[in-house]
Structures are given as C-alpha cells and as structure tokens.
C-alpha atoms as a PDB file:
ATOM      1  CA  MET A   1      12.485   7.088  -1.371  1.00  0.00           C
ATOM      2  CA  ASN A   2       8.977   7.986  -0.260  1.00  0.00           C
ATOM      3  CA  PRO A   3       6.741   9.170  -3.038  1.00  0.00           C
ATOM      4  CA  ILE A   4       5.607  12.865  -2.505  1.00  0.00           C
ATOM      5  CA  PHE A   5       2.669  14.604  -3.943  1.00  0.00           C
ATOM      6  CA  SER A   6       1.408  18.284  -4.020  1.00  0.00           C
ATOM      7  CA  CYS A   7      -2.086  18.404  -2.514  1.00  0.00           C
ATOM      8  CA  SER A   8      -4.416  20.405  -0.390  1.00  0.00           C
ATOM      9  CA  LEU A   9      -6.620  19.277   2.388  1.00  0.00           C
ATOM     10  CA  CYS A  10     -10.143  20.736   2.098  1.00  0.00           C
ATOM     11  CA  TYR A  11     -11.014  21.551   5.687  1.00  0.00           C
ATOM     12  CA  HIS A  12     -12.407  24.921   6.593  1.00  0.00           C
ATOM     13  CA  GLY A  13     -10.868  26.127   3.189  1.00  0.00           C
ATOM     14  CA  ILE A  14      -8.088  24.921   1.071  1.00  0.00           C
ATOM     15  CA  LEU A  15      -4.888  23.936   3.005  1.00  0.00           C
ATOM     16  CA  GLY A  16      -1.890  23.658   0.719  1.00  0.00           C
ATOM     17  CA  GLY A  17       0.571  20.930   1.640  1.00  0.00           C
ATOM     18  CA  TRP A  18       2.200  17.680   0.482  1.00  0.00           C
ATOM     19  CA  MET A  19       1.229  14.039   0.816  1.00  0.00           C
ATOM     20  CA  VAL A  20       3.674  11.361   1.437  1.00  0.00           C
ATOM     21  CA  LEU A  21       3.257   7.464   0.645  1.00  0.00           C
ATOM     22  CA  SER A  22       5.338   5.580   3.080  1.00  0.00           C
ATOM     23  CA  GLY A  23       5.170   1.806   3.638  1.00  0.00           C
ATOM     24  CA  GLU A  24       2.764   2.073   6.514  1.00  0.00           C
ATOM     25  CA  ALA A  25       0.729   5.160   6.019  1.00  0.00           C
ATOM     26  CA  VAL A  26      -0.410   8.104   3.795  1.00  0.00           C
ATOM     27  CA  THR A  27       0.563  11.318   5.475  1.00  0.00           C
ATOM     28  CA  TYR A  28      -0.657  14.718   4.861  1.00  0.00           C
ATOM     29  CA  GLY A  29       1.502  17.625   5.994  1.00  0.00           C
ATOM     30  CA  THR A  30       1.437  21.402   5.814  1.00  0.00           C
ATOM     31  CA  GLY A  31       3.772  23.983   7.285  1.00  0.00           C
ATOM     32  CA  LYS A  32       1.034  26.367   8.027  1.00  0.00           C
ATOM     33  CA  VAL A  33       1.140  27.204  11.951  1.00  0.00           C
ATOM     34  CA  THR A  34      -2.401  28.436  12.028  1.00  0.00           C
ATOM     35  CA  VAL A  35      -3.774  24.976  11.209  1.00  0.00           C
ATOM     36  CA  SER A  36      -4.484  22.487  14.110  1.00  0.00           C
ATOM     37  CA  PRO A  37      -1.613  20.166  14.905  1.00  0.00           C
ATOM     38  CA  LYS A  38      -3.772  17.267  13.899  1.00  0.00           C
ATOM     39  CA  PHE A  39      -3.814  18.372  10.566  1.00  0.00           C
ATOM     40  CA  ARG A  40      -0.304  19.556  10.222  1.00  0.00           C
ATOM     41  CA  ASN A  41       0.979  16.092  10.275  1.00  0.00           C
ATOM     42  CA  LEU A  42      -2.202  13.809   9.410  1.00  0.00           C
ATOM     43  CA  SER A  43      -1.195  10.081   9.304  1.00  0.00           C
ATOM     44  CA  MET A  44      -3.749   7.719   7.650  1.00  0.00           C
ATOM     45  CA  PRO A  45      -2.402   4.095   8.162  1.00  0.00           C
ATOM     46  CA  TYR A  46      -3.126   1.904   5.261  1.00  0.00           C
ATOM     47  CA  ASP A  47      -4.781  -0.607   7.560  1.00  0.00           C
ATOM     48  CA  ASP A  48      -7.208   2.046   8.696  1.00  0.00           C
ATOM     49  CA  ILE A  49      -8.219   3.250   5.239  1.00  0.00           C
ATOM     50  CA  GLU A  50     -11.715   1.941   4.492  1.00  0.00           C
ATOM     51  CA  SER A  51     -11.961   3.422   0.889  1.00  0.00           C
ATOM     52  CA  VAL A  52     -10.689   6.079  -1.463  1.00  0.00           C
ATOM     53  CA  SER A  53     -13.179   7.754  -3.679  1.00  0.00           C
ATOM     54  CA  TRP A  54     -12.724  10.247  -6.407  1.00  0.00           C
ATOM     55  CA  LYS A  55     -14.516  12.978  -8.065  1.00  0.00           C
ATOM     56  CA  ARG A  56     -13.378  15.903 -10.413  1.00  0.00           C
ATOM     57  CA  ILE A  57     -14.288  19.399  -9.514  1.00  0.00           C
ATOM     58  CA  VAL A  58     -11.713  21.242 -11.869  1.00  0.00           C
ATOM     59  CA  PHE A  59      -9.002  19.263  -9.895  1.00  0.00           C
ATOM     60  CA  PRO A  60      -9.020  15.571  -8.832  1.00  0.00           C
ATOM     61  CA  VAL A  61     -10.547  15.366  -5.380  1.00  0.00           C
ATOM     62  CA  ALA A  62     -10.036  12.316  -3.228  1.00  0.00           C
ATOM     63  CA  THR A  63     -11.914  11.319  -0.278  1.00  0.00           C
ATOM     64  CA  PHE A  64     -10.179   8.958   2.239  1.00  0.00           C
ATOM     65  CA  SER A  65     -12.968   7.117   4.270  1.00  0.00           C
ATOM     66  CA  MET A  66     -11.443   5.761   7.460  1.00  0.00           C
ATOM     67  CA  ASN A  67     -12.525   2.823   9.399  1.00  0.00           C
ATOM     68  CA  ASN A  68     -13.402   4.914  12.466  1.00  0.00           C
ATOM     69  CA  SER A  69     -15.901   6.916  10.278  1.00  0.00           C
ATOM     70  CA  GLU A  70     -13.776   9.931   9.759  1.00  0.00           C
ATOM     71  CA  SER A  71     -13.205  11.271   6.267  1.00  0.00           C
ATOM     72  CA  TYR A  72     -10.593  13.560   4.620  1.00  0.00           C
ATOM     73  CA  THR A  73     -10.951  15.241   1.408  1.00  0.00           C
ATOM     74  CA  PHE A  74      -7.889  16.386  -0.646  1.00  0.00           C
ATOM     75  CA  LEU A  75      -6.969  17.961  -4.036  1.00  0.00           C
ATOM     76  CA  ILE A  76      -4.408  15.820  -5.139  1.00  0.00           C
ATOM     77  CA  PHE A  77      -2.327  16.941  -8.238  1.00  0.00           C
ATOM     78  CA  ASN A  78      -1.155  14.352 -10.640  1.00  0.00           C
ATOM     79  CA  LYS A  79      -3.882  11.907  -9.784  1.00  0.00           C
ATOM     80  CA  ASN A  80      -2.773   9.091 -12.150  1.00  0.00           C
ATOM     81  CA  ARG A  81       0.758   8.992 -10.716  1.00  0.00           C
ATOM     82  CA  PHE A  82      -0.598   9.058  -7.056  1.00  0.00           C
ATOM     83  CA  VAL A  83      -3.237   6.275  -7.928  1.00  0.00           C
ATOM     84  CA  ASN A  84      -0.561   4.073  -9.561  1.00  0.00           C
ATOM     85  CA  ARG A  85       1.876   4.425  -6.572  1.00  0.00           C
ATOM     86  CA  PHE A  86      -0.889   4.020  -4.106  1.00  0.00           C
ATOM     87  CA  GLU A  87      -2.251   0.853  -5.716  1.00  0.00           C
ATOM     88  CA  GLN A  88       1.233  -0.510  -6.154  1.00  0.00           C
ATOM     89  CA  ILE A  89       1.894  -0.109  -2.327  1.00  0.00           C
ATOM     90  CA  LEU A  90      -1.332  -1.663  -1.299  1.00  0.00           C
ATOM     91  CA  ARG A  91      -0.506  -4.620  -3.746  1.00  0.00           C
ATOM     92  CA  ILE A  92       2.734  -5.051  -2.338  1.00  0.00           C
ATOM     93  CA  ARG A  93       1.569  -5.042   1.124  1.00  0.00           C
ATOM     94  CA  ASN A  94      -1.265  -7.542   0.391  1.00  0.00           C
ATOM     95  CA  MET A  95       1.160  -9.803  -1.346  1.00  0.00           C
ATOM     96  CA  GLU A  96       3.703  -9.372   1.434  1.00  0.00           C
ATOM     97  CA  LYS A  97       1.094 -10.700   4.021  1.00  0.00           C
ATOM     98  CA  LEU A  98       0.442 -13.725   1.834  1.00  0.00           C
ATOM     99  CA  TYR A  99       4.148 -14.471   1.341  1.00  0.00           C
ATOM    100  CA  ASP A 100       4.793 -14.193   5.153  1.00  0.00           C
ATOM    101  CA  GLU A 101       1.942 -16.553   5.807  1.00  0.00           C
ATOM    102  CA  CYS A 102       3.204 -19.114   3.198  1.00  0.00           C
ATOM    103  CA  ARG A 103       6.719 -18.740   4.244  1.00  0.00           C
ATOM    104  CA  ASN A 104       5.948 -19.315   7.913  1.00  0.00           C
ATOM    105  CA  ARG A 105       3.721 -22.319   7.026  1.00  0.00           C
ATOM    106  CA  SER A 106       6.403 -23.752   4.880  1.00  0.00           C
ATOM    107  CA  ALA A 107       8.807 -23.522   7.625  1.00  0.00           C
ATOM    108  CA  ASP A 108       6.824 -24.242  10.689  1.00  0.00           C
ATOM    109  CA  ASN A 109       4.460 -27.098   9.330  1.00  0.00           C
ATOM    110  CA  PRO A 110       5.324 -28.184   5.653  1.00  0.00           C
ATOM    111  CA  GLN A 111       3.175 -31.126   5.934  1.00  0.00           C
ATOM    112  CA  GLY A 112      -0.035 -29.309   6.906  1.00  0.00           C
ATOM    113  CA  GLY A 113      -2.852 -31.185   8.718  1.00  0.00           C
ATOM    114  CA  ASP A 114      -5.800 -28.980   9.177  1.00  0.00           C
ATOM    115  CA  PRO A 115      -7.894 -29.113   6.039  1.00  0.00           C
ATOM    116  CA  HIS A 116      -9.096 -25.414   6.328  1.00  0.00           C
ATOM    117  CA  GLU A 117      -5.555 -24.103   6.791  1.00  0.00           C
ATOM    118  CA  ASP A 118      -4.285 -26.457   3.928  1.00  0.00           C
ATOM    119  CA  GLN A 119      -6.902 -24.956   1.666  1.00  0.00           C
ATOM    120  CA  ARG A 120      -6.106 -21.363   2.573  1.00  0.00           C
ATOM    121  CA  TYR A 121      -2.399 -22.173   2.060  1.00  0.00           C
ATOM    122  CA  GLU A 122      -3.000 -23.626  -1.371  1.00  0.00           C
ATOM    123  CA  ASN A 123      -5.199 -20.542  -2.152  1.00  0.00           C
ATOM    124  CA  ASN A 124      -2.449 -18.096  -1.058  1.00  0.00           C
ATOM    125  CA  MET A 125       0.342 -20.058  -2.990  1.00  0.00           C
ATOM    126  CA  ARG A 126      -1.898 -19.974  -6.035  1.00  0.00           C
ATOM    127  CA  ILE A 127      -2.295 -15.983  -5.707  1.00  0.00           C
ATOM    128  CA  LEU A 128       1.475 -15.535  -5.094  1.00  0.00           C
ATOM    129  CA  SER A 129       2.215 -17.826  -8.236  1.00  0.00           C
ATOM    130  CA  GLU A 130      -0.027 -15.679 -10.489  1.00  0.00           C
ATOM    131  CA  TYR A 131       1.374 -12.551  -9.179  1.00  0.00           C
ATOM    132  CA  TYR A 132       5.034 -13.674  -9.639  1.00  0.00           C
ATOM    133  CA  GLU A 133       4.312 -15.109 -13.061  1.00  0.00           C
ATOM    134  CA  GLY A 134       2.343 -12.175 -14.230  1.00  0.00           C
ATOM    135  CA  SER A 135       3.361  -8.449 -15.175  1.00  0.00           C
ATOM    136  CA  LEU A 136       2.618  -6.994 -11.831  1.00  0.00           C
ATOM    137  CA  TRP A 137       5.430  -8.584  -9.928  1.00  0.00           C
ATOM    138  CA  LYS A 138       7.932  -7.474 -12.780  1.00  0.00           C
ATOM    139  CA  GLU A 139       6.605  -3.768 -12.648  1.00  0.00           C
ATOM    140  CA  ASP A 140       6.837  -3.814  -8.792  1.00  0.00           C
ATOM    141  CA  PHE A 141      10.317  -5.323  -8.898  1.00  0.00           C
ATOM    142  CA  ALA A 142      11.441  -2.660 -11.437  1.00  0.00           C
ATOM    143  CA  ALA A 143       9.977  -0.073  -9.222  1.00  0.00           C
ATOM    144  CA  ASP A 144      11.990  -1.189  -6.314  1.00  0.00           C
ATOM    145  CA  LYS A 145      15.039  -1.325  -8.266  1.00  0.00           C
ATOM    146  CA  CYS A 146      14.500   2.141  -9.512  1.00  0.00           C
ATOM    147  CA  GLY A 147      13.978   3.552  -5.947  1.00  0.00           C
ATOM    148  CA  LYS A 148      10.326   4.385  -6.488  1.00  0.00           C
ATOM    149  CA  LEU A 149       8.936   2.523  -3.446  1.00  0.00           C
ATOM    150  CA  PRO A 150       8.855   3.908   0.031  1.00  0.00           C
ATOM    151  CA  ASP A 151      12.068   3.047   2.115  1.00  0.00           C
ATOM    152  CA  ASP A 152      10.052   1.469   4.972  1.00  0.00           C
ATOM    153  CA  LEU A 153       7.863  -0.740   2.808  1.00  0.00           C
ATOM    154  CA  LYS A 154       8.288  -4.379   3.561  1.00  0.00           C
ATOM    155  CA  ARG A 155       9.199  -6.067   0.333  1.00  0.00           C
ATOM    156  CA  GLY A 156      10.362  -9.674   0.854  1.00  0.00           C
ATOM    157  CA  VAL A 157       7.737 -10.758  -1.892  1.00  0.00           C
ATOM    158  CA  LEU A 158       9.886  -8.947  -4.165  1.00  0.00           C
ATOM    159  CA  SER A 159      12.898 -11.217  -3.572  1.00  0.00           C
ATOM    160  CA  GLU A 160      13.187 -13.747  -6.426  1.00  0.00           C
ATOM    161  CA  ASP A 161      14.956 -16.169  -4.162  1.00  0.00           C
ATOM    162  CA  GLY A 162      12.249 -15.736  -1.264  1.00  0.00           C
ATOM    163  CA  LEU A 163       9.282 -16.766  -3.716  1.00  0.00           C
ATOM    164  CA  CYS A 164      11.212 -19.364  -5.420  1.00  0.00           C
ATOM    165  CA  ASN A 165      11.992 -21.015  -2.180  1.00  0.00           C
ATOM    166  CA  ILE A 166       8.530 -21.276  -0.855  1.00  0.00           C
ATOM    167  CA  PHE A 167       7.453 -22.582  -4.226  1.00  0.00           C
ATOM    168  CA  GLU A 168       9.963 -25.204  -4.108  1.00  0.00           C
ATOM    169  CA  ARG A 169       8.953 -26.193  -0.614  1.00  0.00           C
ATOM    170  CA  LYS A 170       5.451 -26.732  -1.635  1.00  0.00           C
END
C-alpha cells in the first residue's frame, strides 16, 4: 500500500491535498479544479529530486528541490512519519541498485577481470553485507511484511534468499 500524507502545496496560496509515496515518485494531488492541471497531480520522481529541506513555520514545511532547478514547497503533516518512510524508500531503492549490480556481476562474470570493476563490486558487496547484517535491513523487511511499503517499489534486496545467494557466489 502506498503511504499517503495530508499536505498542502504552497503555490499562490495554500492548496490542500495529499502526498503519495510510491516506489518511483513522490506525488502531490488535489481535487481542486481551479488549480492548474500541472499541480493537480504533481509527480516528482525520486531520481529527479536533488534535495529536500525542512523548516518550521507553525507547521513543518518541506521544500523539494529538483534537478531541473524547480522547487516545490509543502506543508506536510506528521513530518516524522513522512521522513521515516521517505528515507526508507530511498534506502531500499539505493540498496536495490547495488543488489542488481552485484547479482548481475555474479551471474555474468563471477571471475571479474577489470580491477576498477572488481573494486566497485567488492565495495558494493561490503555495503550490502553491512545493510543485511544491521538493523536497517530488518526494519525494511518488517515494513515490507506489514504492507507499509509502496506496492510498486522494487524490493529484491529484501529477499533473504537473494542476498544469501550473491554472498555465497562471492
């Protein structure tokens, strides 16, 4: 289930709506027909988000700075829950990229050959091992089992067998 948060877009006033964290993007939505279609369903892909900064003016205010120099400011209610879930999704996405690289390397060329690629592979394996052996993997795994992660979030890294298999091939 995709986590949903009450929020308001700060754009020519306060535009009440909701924010959804999917596996690919943070999406703001509102049912207000007087709002530009761009803002009625504003999708901000994770790969396009440069940074998120916070300040507090009565309510928590988040500014999403995008890679294309645009920025969007929101009042987001229940900031702690939002930040925890947002960071968790980013972490799983990053670990999933490392997992895919290591799994593909293990399957395609288990012997290596290129010293630069070998070093990258070893570093990625170390990061994955630390993640798997630490508390964050357990938290992410539990969140997945409880249905707290977005339905479309790629999550092979949360498979116990998948990680064990690439560790064994190494």
